[in-house]
Amino acid sequence: MKHSFYSYVVCLLIFVSNPSLASHNEEESDSDNSILTKEEVNAYLTGGSLDFDRVAEINHFPNPKRVLEIKNLLTLTRVQNNRSTISYKLMRKYAIKAGRKIVRKENQLNYLFQQPNVDLHAVKKLVSEIATLKGELRFTHLKAHVNQESYLTDEQITTYFLNKDSEKSVNYAYDE
C-alpha cells in the first residue's frame, strides 16, 4: 500500500513538473514522442471517427456529416437540415473534447515508458482512463448516427446508402 502511494506521488510530481504533460493546450498536437500516428491525432483533435462508427454504417444508420454533405441529393427539409446540423455539431464538440484527452493521456502513457522504472500502477490507471475515453468517444459517434437515422425518411436513407455504395464502386475502380 505504501509503495503504490509513493508511486502515485512520484507520478503526480512528474506530471506537475512537466508542463507539456499537465497542460491543456487548445493546439495540442502529437509530439516527437507520441505513439499515435498523425492520422490518429488529427482524427482525435478534429472529431473524426477513426472507424468507431462502422457498426452504425453497416447497419444503415447514416453519418450526420455525410448527410449534410449530400443534403441536396437527399432533399432535406429545413427541420431535417437543422436537426442534422445540431446533431453533427454536438457530436463533433464532444468528440474533440474526448479526443484531446485521449491524445494527452496517450502522451502521458508514452512518457511513463520512457522512465527507467515503469510504474505499472500508473500504467494501469492511464490505460483504463484511455479505454473509458475511447468508449465515450465511440458512443458519441454512434449516438449521432442513431439520432440521424430518426431524422430521415426511409426513402432518404435508401438514397443515402445507394449513393454511398455507388461511390465505393467508383473508388474501388480507381484503386486497381
Foldseek 3Di string as FASTA:
>chain_A
DVVVVVVVVVLVVVQVVDCLLVDQDLPDAADPLFPDDRVLLVCQQQLHQPCLQVVLVVVLQDFLVLCQVCVVVLVADPVLNVQSVVLVVVLRVLSNVLSSVLRSLSSSLSVLVVDPDRDVVVNVVSVVVNVVSNVVNSVSRNVSSVSNNVSGDPVSSVSSVVVVVVVVVVVVVVVD
